[in-house]
């Protein structure tokens, strides 16, 4: 069964970054989001994504280093959100 948080994050990435030619299910869970030739995301994209994630999930991504670690892949992003909300079911 698919992880609902992973599915939500992929949809959020496509919507936030206006990736018109990418479907959420086309984003691999472990592929780098930044520096990947497939997506071509840059620092402005990262900022937009961080702001949306903070608002959507009520988490705080503090430093640029923390942002780089959290946004490495969809899986690392999901793990970051879950770790930032212990005891809270995130879907």
PDB file of N, CA and C in Angstrom:
ATOM      1  N   UNK A   1       0.846  -1.189   0.000  1.00  0.00           N
ATOM      2  CA  UNK A   1       0.000   0.000   0.000  1.00  0.00           C
ATOM      3  C   UNK A   1       0.885   1.244   0.000  1.00  0.00           C
ATOM      4  N   UNK A   2       0.510   2.210  -0.767  1.00  0.00           N
ATOM      5  CA  UNK A   2       1.297   3.436  -0.898  1.00  0.00           C
ATOM      6  C   UNK A   2       1.234   4.267   0.387  1.00  0.00           C
ATOM      7  N   UNK A   3       2.325   4.923   0.686  1.00  0.00           N
ATOM      8  CA  UNK A   3       2.418   5.796   1.856  1.00  0.00           C
ATOM      9  C   UNK A   3       1.678   7.101   1.541  1.00  0.00           C
ATOM     10  N   UNK A   4       0.639   7.442   2.298  1.00  0.00           N
ATOM     11  CA  UNK A   4      -0.140   8.653   1.996  1.00  0.00           C
ATOM     12  C   UNK A   4       0.678   9.946   2.124  1.00  0.00           C
ATOM     13  N   UNK A   5       1.655   9.972   3.035  1.00  0.00           N
ATOM     14  CA  UNK A   5       2.490  11.173   3.164  1.00  0.00           C
ATOM     15  C   UNK A   5       3.368  11.341   1.928  1.00  0.00           C
ATOM     16  N   UNK A   6       3.947  10.262   1.448  1.00  0.00           N
ATOM     17  CA  UNK A   6       4.776  10.315   0.234  1.00  0.00           C
ATOM     18  C   UNK A   6       3.933  10.808  -0.944  1.00  0.00           C
ATOM     19  N   UNK A   7       2.744  10.248  -1.085  1.00  0.00           N
ATOM     20  CA  UNK A   7       1.857  10.659  -2.184  1.00  0.00           C
ATOM     21  C   UNK A   7       1.498  12.133  -2.062  1.00  0.00           C
ATOM     22  N   UNK A   8       1.205  12.600  -0.841  1.00  0.00           N
ATOM     23  CA  UNK A   8       0.855  14.013  -0.633  1.00  0.00           C
ATOM     24  C   UNK A   8       2.046  14.916  -0.962  1.00  0.00           C
ATOM     25  N   UNK A   9       3.235  14.517  -0.560  1.00  0.00           N
ATOM     26  CA  UNK A   9       4.427  15.325  -0.829  1.00  0.00           C
ATOM     27  C   UNK A   9       4.686  15.443  -2.327  1.00  0.00           C
ATOM     28  N   UNK A  10       4.514  14.358  -3.050  1.00  0.00           N
ATOM     29  CA  UNK A  10       4.737  14.400  -4.497  1.00  0.00           C
ATOM     30  C   UNK A  10       3.743  15.345  -5.167  1.00  0.00           C
ATOM     31  N   UNK A  11       2.491  15.302  -4.745  1.00  0.00           N
ATOM     32  CA  UNK A  11       1.480  16.213  -5.291  1.00  0.00           C
ATOM     33  C   UNK A  11       1.832  17.654  -4.936  1.00  0.00           C
ATOM     34  N   UNK A  12       2.250  17.876  -3.705  1.00  0.00           N
ATOM     35  CA  UNK A  12       2.631  19.214  -3.253  1.00  0.00           C
ATOM     36  C   UNK A  12       3.817  19.750  -4.055  1.00  0.00           C
ATOM     37  N   UNK A  13       4.791  18.905  -4.342  1.00  0.00           N
ATOM     38  CA  UNK A  13       5.958  19.318  -5.134  1.00  0.00           C
ATOM     39  C   UNK A  13       5.522  19.742  -6.530  1.00  0.00           C
ATOM     40  N   UNK A  14       4.699  18.937  -7.168  1.00  0.00           N
ATOM     41  CA  UNK A  14       4.232  19.252  -8.524  1.00  0.00           C
ATOM     42  C   UNK A  14       3.436  20.547  -8.530  1.00  0.00           C
ATOM     43  N   UNK A  15       2.531  20.707  -7.558  1.00  0.00           N
ATOM     44  CA  UNK A  15       1.700  21.919  -7.496  1.00  0.00           C
ATOM     45  C   UNK A  15       2.528  23.165  -7.181  1.00  0.00           C
ATOM     46  N   UNK A  16       3.347  23.083  -6.150  1.00  0.00           N
ATOM     47  CA  UNK A  16       4.118  24.238  -5.688  1.00  0.00           C
ATOM     48  C   UNK A  16       5.098  24.737  -6.744  1.00  0.00           C
ATOM     49  N   UNK A  17       5.761  23.797  -7.408  1.00  0.00           N
ATOM     50  CA  UNK A  17       6.792  24.169  -8.372  1.00  0.00           C
ATOM     51  C   UNK A  17       6.267  24.229  -9.799  1.00  0.00           C
ATOM     52  N   UNK A  18       4.964  24.038  -9.943  1.00  0.00           N
ATOM     53  CA  UNK A  18       4.296  24.143 -11.260  1.00  0.00           C
ATOM     54  C   UNK A  18       5.027  23.297 -12.309  1.00  0.00           C
ATOM     55  N   UNK A  19       5.203  22.034 -11.964  1.00  0.00           N
ATOM     56  CA  UNK A  19       5.874  21.092 -12.860  1.00  0.00           C
ATOM     57  C   UNK A  19       4.814  20.485 -13.782  1.00  0.00           C
ATOM     58  N   UNK A  20       4.404  21.254 -14.765  1.00  0.00           N
ATOM     59  CA  UNK A  20       3.299  20.872 -15.640  1.00  0.00           C
ATOM     60  C   UNK A  20       3.529  19.570 -16.391  1.00  0.00           C
ATOM     61  N   UNK A  21       4.765  19.258 -16.688  1.00  0.00           N
ATOM     62  CA  UNK A  21       5.060  18.054 -17.467  1.00  0.00           C
ATOM     63  C   UNK A  21       5.430  16.849 -16.595  1.00  0.00           C
ATOM     64  N   UNK A  22       5.206  16.965 -15.264  1.00  0.00           N
ATOM     65  CA  UNK A  22       5.530  15.880 -14.333  1.00  0.00           C
ATOM     66  C   UNK A  22       4.268  15.506 -13.558  1.00  0.00           C
ATOM     67  N   UNK A  23       4.006  14.202 -13.492  1.00  0.00           N
ATOM     68  CA  UNK A  23       2.904  13.708 -12.662  1.00  0.00           C
ATOM     69  C   UNK A  23       3.497  13.289 -11.317  1.00  0.00           C
ATOM     70  N   UNK A  24       2.743  13.434 -10.234  1.00  0.00           N
ATOM     71  CA  UNK A  24       3.281  13.045  -8.921  1.00  0.00           C
ATOM     72  C   UNK A  24       3.842  11.624  -8.906  1.00  0.00           C
ATOM     73  N   UNK A  25       3.165  10.698  -9.554  1.00  0.00           N
ATOM     74  CA  UNK A  25       3.631   9.308  -9.546  1.00  0.00           C
ATOM     75  C   UNK A  25       4.910   9.109 -10.355  1.00  0.00           C
ATOM     76  N   UNK A  26       5.319  10.117 -11.130  1.00  0.00           N
ATOM     77  CA  UNK A  26       6.566  10.042 -11.896  1.00  0.00           C
ATOM     78  C   UNK A  26       7.799  10.382 -11.054  1.00  0.00           C
ATOM     79  N   UNK A  27       7.587  10.905  -9.856  1.00  0.00           N
ATOM     80  CA  UNK A  27       8.708  11.306  -9.001  1.00  0.00           C
ATOM     81  C   UNK A  27       9.128  10.099  -8.155  1.00  0.00           C
ATOM     82  N   UNK A  28      10.344   9.590  -8.378  1.00  0.00           N
ATOM     83  CA  UNK A  28      10.820   8.454  -7.569  1.00  0.00           C
ATOM     84  C   UNK A  28      11.047   8.883  -6.116  1.00  0.00           C
ATOM     85  N   UNK A  29      10.792   7.975  -5.202  1.00  0.00           N
ATOM     86  CA  UNK A  29      10.921   8.278  -3.770  1.00  0.00           C
ATOM     87  C   UNK A  29      12.349   8.621  -3.366  1.00  0.00           C
ATOM     88  N   UNK A  30      13.331   8.015  -4.034  1.00  0.00           N
ATOM     89  CA  UNK A  30      14.730   8.171  -3.625  1.00  0.00           C
ATOM     90  C   UNK A  30      15.599   8.947  -4.612  1.00  0.00           C
ATOM     91  N   UNK A  31      15.010   9.549  -5.607  1.00  0.00           N
ATOM     92  CA  UNK A  31      15.806  10.328  -6.565  1.00  0.00           C
ATOM     93  C   UNK A  31      16.050  11.732  -6.004  1.00  0.00           C
ATOM     94  N   UNK A  32      17.268  12.246  -6.131  1.00  0.00           N
ATOM     95  CA  UNK A  32      17.531  13.608  -5.655  1.00  0.00           C
ATOM     96  C   UNK A  32      16.590  14.619  -6.314  1.00  0.00           C
ATOM     97  N   UNK A  33      16.031  15.496  -5.481  1.00  0.00           N
ATOM     98  CA  UNK A  33      15.113  16.508  -6.014  1.00  0.00           C
ATOM     99  C   UNK A  33      15.870  17.674  -6.631  1.00  0.00           C
ATOM    100  N   UNK A  34      17.048  17.967  -6.084  1.00  0.00           N
ATOM    101  CA  UNK A  34      17.827  19.100  -6.576  1.00  0.00           C
ATOM    102  C   UNK A  34      19.126  18.594  -7.170  1.00  0.00           C
ATOM    103  N   UNK A  35      19.531  19.213  -8.260  1.00  0.00           N
ATOM    104  CA  UNK A  35      20.732  18.774  -8.951  1.00  0.00           C
ATOM    105  C   UNK A  35      20.451  17.646  -9.924  1.00  0.00           C
ATOM    106  N   UNK A  36      19.212  17.241  -9.998  1.00  0.00           N
ATOM    107  CA  UNK A  36      18.825  16.173 -10.921  1.00  0.00           C
ATOM    108  C   UNK A  36      18.446  16.781 -12.266  1.00  0.00           C
ATOM    109  N   UNK A  37      18.964  16.246 -13.356  1.00  0.00           N
ATOM    110  CA  UNK A  37      18.615  16.793 -14.670  1.00  0.00           C
ATOM    111  C   UNK A  37      17.137  16.587 -15.012  1.00  0.00           C
ATOM    112  N   UNK A  38      16.494  15.628 -14.368  1.00  0.00           N
ATOM    113  CA  UNK A  38      15.086  15.361 -14.647  1.00  0.00           C
ATOM    114  C   UNK A  38      14.199  16.531 -14.233  1.00  0.00           C
ATOM    115  N   UNK A  39      14.487  17.121 -13.061  1.00  0.00           N
ATOM    116  CA  UNK A  39      13.618  18.168 -12.544  1.00  0.00           C
ATOM    117  C   UNK A  39      14.211  19.566 -12.681  1.00  0.00           C
ATOM    118  N   UNK A  40      15.517  19.695 -12.610  1.00  0.00           N
ATOM    119  CA  UNK A  40      16.171  20.990 -12.766  1.00  0.00           C
ATOM    120  C   UNK A  40      15.769  22.005 -11.714  1.00  0.00           C
ATOM    121  N   UNK A  41      15.572  21.567 -10.485  1.00  0.00           N
ATOM    122  CA  UNK A  41      15.151  22.466  -9.423  1.00  0.00           C
ATOM    123  C   UNK A  41      16.348  23.264  -8.906  1.00  0.00           C
ATOM    124  N   UNK A  42      16.080  24.498  -8.507  1.00  0.00           N
ATOM    125  CA  UNK A  42      17.153  25.377  -8.042  1.00  0.00           C
ATOM    126  C   UNK A  42      16.827  25.921  -6.648  1.00  0.00           C
ATOM    127  N   UNK A  43      17.626  26.878  -6.177  1.00  0.00           N
ATOM    128  CA  UNK A  43      17.471  27.403  -4.820  1.00  0.00           C
ATOM    129  C   UNK A  43      16.145  28.144  -4.626  1.00  0.00           C
ATOM    130  N   UNK A  44      15.647  28.798  -5.646  1.00  0.00           N
ATOM    131  CA  UNK A  44      14.345  29.477  -5.548  1.00  0.00           C
ATOM    132  C   UNK A  44      13.242  28.430  -5.386  1.00  0.00           C
ATOM    133  N   UNK A  45      13.345  27.338  -6.130  1.00  0.00           N
ATOM    134  CA  UNK A  45      12.386  26.234  -5.989  1.00  0.00           C
ATOM    135  C   UNK A  45      12.436  25.680  -4.564  1.00  0.00           C
ATOM    136  N   UNK A  46      13.636  25.532  -4.030  1.00  0.00           N
ATOM    137  CA  UNK A  46      13.801  25.014  -2.668  1.00  0.00           C
ATOM    138  C   UNK A  46      13.107  25.932  -1.665  1.00  0.00           C
ATOM    139  N   UNK A  47      13.281  27.238  -1.813  1.00  0.00           N
ATOM    140  CA  UNK A  47      12.655  28.195  -0.910  1.00  0.00           C
ATOM    141  C   UNK A  47      11.134  28.101  -0.989  1.00  0.00           C
ATOM    142  N   UNK A  48      10.602  28.055  -2.201  1.00  0.00           N
ATOM    143  CA  UNK A  48       9.152  27.925  -2.373  1.00  0.00           C
ATOM    144  C   UNK A  48       8.648  26.651  -1.712  1.00  0.00           C
ATOM    145  N   UNK A  49       9.372  25.570  -1.904  1.00  0.00           N
ATOM    146  CA  UNK A  49       8.971  24.288  -1.357  1.00  0.00           C
ATOM    147  C   UNK A  49       9.045  24.294   0.172  1.00  0.00           C
ATOM    148  N   UNK A  50      10.102  24.863   0.730  1.00  0.00           N
ATOM    149  CA  UNK A  50      10.235  24.950   2.187  1.00  0.00           C
ATOM    150  C   UNK A  50       9.068  25.733   2.778  1.00  0.00           C
ATOM    151  N   UNK A  51       8.741  26.869   2.190  1.00  0.00           N
ATOM    152  CA  UNK A  51       7.636  27.685   2.704  1.00  0.00           C
ATOM    153  C   UNK A  51       6.313  26.923   2.665  1.00  0.00           C
ATOM    154  N   UNK A  52       6.068  26.228   1.587  1.00  0.00           N
ATOM    155  CA  UNK A  52       4.819  25.464   1.456  1.00  0.00           C
ATOM    156  C   UNK A  52       4.767  24.308   2.456  1.00  0.00           C
ATOM    157  N   UNK A  53       5.873  23.617   2.643  1.00  0.00           N
ATOM    158  CA  UNK A  53       5.921  22.496   3.580  1.00  0.00           C
ATOM    159  C   UNK A  53       5.732  22.986   5.012  1.00  0.00           C
ATOM    160  N   UNK A  54       6.388  24.088   5.349  1.00  0.00           N
ATOM    161  CA  UNK A  54       6.241  24.646   6.693  1.00  0.00           C
ATOM    162  C   UNK A  54       4.777  25.001   6.961  1.00  0.00           C
ATOM    163  N   UNK A  55       4.137  25.614   6.000  1.00  0.00           N
ATOM    164  CA  UNK A  55       2.734  26.009   6.151  1.00  0.00           C
ATOM    165  C   UNK A  55       1.814  24.784   6.191  1.00  0.00           C
ATOM    166  N   UNK A  56       2.027  23.862   5.295  1.00  0.00           N
ATOM    167  CA  UNK A  56       1.172  22.686   5.149  1.00  0.00           C
ATOM    168  C   UNK A  56       1.252  21.736   6.345  1.00  0.00           C
ATOM    169  N   UNK A  57       2.464  21.530   6.866  1.00  0.00           N
ATOM    170  CA  UNK A  57       2.665  20.519   7.899  1.00  0.00           C
ATOM    171  C   UNK A  57       3.018  21.097   9.271  1.00  0.00           C
ATOM    172  N   UNK A  58       3.149  22.412   9.371  1.00  0.00           N
ATOM    173  CA  UNK A  58       3.445  23.032  10.656  1.00  0.00           C
ATOM    174  C   UNK A  58       4.813  22.684  11.207  1.00  0.00           C
ATOM    175  N   UNK A  59       5.774  22.480  10.312  1.00  0.00           N
ATOM    176  CA  UNK A  59       7.146  22.195  10.729  1.00  0.00           C
ATOM    177  C   UNK A  59       8.021  23.400  10.412  1.00  0.00           C
ATOM    178  N   UNK A  60       9.186  23.433  11.014  1.00  0.00           N
ATOM    179  CA  UNK A  60      10.131  24.521  10.752  1.00  0.00           C
ATOM    180  C   UNK A  60      11.427  23.929  10.223  1.00  0.00           C
ATOM    181  N   UNK A  61      11.816  24.385   9.031  1.00  0.00           N
ATOM    182  CA  UNK A  61      13.089  23.976   8.447  1.00  0.00           C
ATOM    183  C   UNK A  61      14.016  25.172   8.622  1.00  0.00           C
ATOM    184  N   UNK A  62      14.904  25.073   9.617  1.00  0.00           N
ATOM    185  CA  UNK A  62      15.686  26.220  10.052  1.00  0.00           C
ATOM    186  C   UNK A  62      16.768  26.707   9.112  1.00  0.00           C
ATOM    187  N   UNK A  63      17.820  25.969   8.980  1.00  0.00           N
ATOM    188  CA  UNK A  63      18.988  26.436   8.236  1.00  0.00           C
ATOM    189  C   UNK A  63      18.989  25.909   6.806  1.00  0.00           C
ATOM    190  N   UNK A  64      19.878  26.471   6.007  1.00  0.00           N
ATOM    191  CA  UNK A  64      20.003  25.986   4.632  1.00  0.00           C
ATOM    192  C   UNK A  64      20.557  24.559   4.620  1.00  0.00           C
ATOM    193  N   UNK A  65      21.398  24.220   5.596  1.00  0.00           N
ATOM    194  CA  UNK A  65      21.922  22.860   5.699  1.00  0.00           C
ATOM    195  C   UNK A  65      20.790  21.888   6.032  1.00  0.00           C
ATOM    196  N   UNK A  66      19.947  22.270   6.955  1.00  0.00           N
ATOM    197  CA  UNK A  66      18.793  21.429   7.309  1.00  0.00           C
ATOM    198  C   UNK A  66      17.856  21.281   6.107  1.00  0.00           C
ATOM    199  N   UNK A  67      17.702  22.351   5.368  1.00  0.00           N
ATOM    200  CA  UNK A  67      16.876  22.328   4.166  1.00  0.00           C
ATOM    201  C   UNK A  67      17.445  21.367   3.130  1.00  0.00           C
ATOM    202  N   UNK A  68      18.743  21.412   2.915  1.00  0.00           N
ATOM    203  CA  UNK A  68      19.392  20.506   1.952  1.00  0.00           C
ATOM    204  C   UNK A  68      19.202  19.046   2.346  1.00  0.00           C
ATOM    205  N   UNK A  69      19.343  18.772   3.636  1.00  0.00           N
ATOM    206  CA  UNK A  69      19.163  17.387   4.108  1.00  0.00           C
ATOM    207  C   UNK A  69      17.709  16.953   3.958  1.00  0.00           C
ATOM    208  N   UNK A  70      16.783  17.794   4.376  1.00  0.00           N
ATOM    209  CA  UNK A  70      15.358  17.437   4.345  1.00  0.00           C
ATOM    210  C   UNK A  70      14.858  17.265   2.917  1.00  0.00           C
ATOM    211  N   UNK A  71      15.322  18.125   2.014  1.00  0.00           N
ATOM    212  CA  UNK A  71      14.823  18.113   0.639  1.00  0.00           C
ATOM    213  C   UNK A  71      15.652  17.238  -0.301  1.00  0.00           C
ATOM    214  N   UNK A  72      16.487  16.391   0.233  1.00  0.00           N
ATOM    215  CA  UNK A  72      17.330  15.551  -0.619  1.00  0.00           C
ATOM    216  C   UNK A  72      16.482  14.670  -1.535  1.00  0.00           C
ATOM    217  N   UNK A  73      15.493  13.990  -0.978  1.00  0.00           N
ATOM    218  CA  UNK A  73      14.599  13.124  -1.743  1.00  0.00           C
ATOM    219  C   UNK A  73      13.211  13.212  -1.118  1.00  0.00           C
ATOM    220  N   UNK A  74      12.239  12.636  -1.755  1.00  0.00           N
ATOM    221  CA  UNK A  74      10.891  12.595  -1.180  1.00  0.00           C
ATOM    222  C   UNK A  74      10.922  11.798   0.132  1.00  0.00           C
ATOM    223  N   UNK A  75      11.676  10.706   0.163  1.00  0.00           N
ATOM    224  CA  UNK A  75      11.763   9.899   1.386  1.00  0.00           C
ATOM    225  C   UNK A  75      12.386  10.674   2.542  1.00  0.00           C
ATOM    226  N   UNK A  76      13.444  11.445   2.286  1.00  0.00           N
ATOM    227  CA  UNK A  76      14.067  12.207   3.375  1.00  0.00           C
ATOM    228  C   UNK A  76      13.137  13.314   3.848  1.00  0.00           C
ATOM    229  N   UNK A  77      12.366  13.864   2.947  1.00  0.00           N
ATOM    230  CA  UNK A  77      11.402  14.895   3.319  1.00  0.00           C
ATOM    231  C   UNK A  77      10.308  14.313   4.214  1.00  0.00           C
ATOM    232  N   UNK A  78       9.804  13.157   3.847  1.00  0.00           N
ATOM    233  CA  UNK A  78       8.785  12.493   4.669  1.00  0.00           C
ATOM    234  C   UNK A  78       9.348  12.156   6.055  1.00  0.00           C
ATOM    235  N   UNK A  79      10.577  11.660   6.098  1.00  0.00           N
ATOM    236  CA  UNK A  79      11.207  11.323   7.374  1.00  0.00           C
ATOM    237  C   UNK A  79      11.396  12.570   8.234  1.00  0.00           C
ATOM    238  N   UNK A  80      11.788  13.679   7.612  1.00  0.00           N
ATOM    239  CA  UNK A  80      11.967  14.938   8.342  1.00  0.00           C
ATOM    240  C   UNK A  80      10.643  15.384   8.956  1.00  0.00           C
ATOM    241  N   UNK A  81       9.575  15.332   8.180  1.00  0.00           N
ATOM    242  CA  UNK A  81       8.262  15.763   8.673  1.00  0.00           C
ATOM    243  C   UNK A  81       7.818  14.874   9.828  1.00  0.00           C
ATOM    244  N   UNK A  82       7.982  13.581   9.680  1.00  0.00           N
ATOM    245  CA  UNK A  82       7.586  12.660  10.749  1.00  0.00           C
ATOM    246  C   UNK A  82       8.414  12.880  12.017  1.00  0.00           C
ATOM    247  N   UNK A  83       9.706  13.122  11.865  1.00  0.00           N
ATOM    248  CA  UNK A  83      10.571  13.352  13.018  1.00  0.00           C
ATOM    249  C   UNK A  83      10.258  14.680  13.706  1.00  0.00           C
ATOM    250  N   UNK A  84       9.746  15.630  12.941  1.00  0.00           N
ATOM    251  CA  UNK A  84       9.424  16.948  13.487  1.00  0.00           C
ATOM    252  C   UNK A  84       8.078  16.962  14.196  1.00  0.00           C
ATOM    253  N   UNK A  85       7.304  15.892  14.012  1.00  0.00           N
ATOM    254  CA  UNK A  85       5.987  15.826  14.618  1.00  0.00           C
ATOM    255  C   UNK A  85       5.811  14.492  15.352  1.00  0.00           C
ATOM    256  N   UNK A  86       6.668  14.217  16.343  1.00  0.00           N
ATOM    257  CA  UNK A  86       6.561  12.930  17.043  1.00  0.00           C
ATOM    258  C   UNK A  86       5.201  12.784  17.713  1.00  0.00           C
ATOM    259  N   UNK A  87       4.651  11.585  17.602  1.00  0.00           N
ATOM    260  CA  UNK A  87       3.361  11.328  18.214  1.00  0.00           C
ATOM    261  C   UNK A  87       2.169  11.773  17.404  1.00  0.00           C
ATOM    262  N   UNK A  88       2.410  12.536  16.350  1.00  0.00           N
ATOM    263  CA  UNK A  88       1.320  13.018  15.509  1.00  0.00           C
ATOM    264  C   UNK A  88       1.299  12.191  14.237  1.00  0.00           C
ATOM    265  N   UNK A  89       0.147  11.674  13.890  1.00  0.00           N
ATOM    266  CA  UNK A  89       0.010  10.882  12.663  1.00  0.00           C
ATOM    267  C   UNK A  89      -0.009  11.830  11.480  1.00  0.00           C
ATOM    268  N   UNK A  90       0.961  11.695  10.575  1.00  0.00           N
ATOM    269  CA  UNK A  90       1.073  12.581   9.424  1.00  0.00           C
ATOM    270  C   UNK A  90       0.744  11.769   8.177  1.00  0.00           C
ATOM    271  N   UNK A  91      -0.290  12.216   7.467  1.00  0.00           N
ATOM    272  CA  UNK A  91      -0.664  11.532   6.220  1.00  0.00           C
ATOM    273  C   UNK A  91      -0.948  12.536   5.143  1.00  0.00           C
TER     274      UNK A  91
END
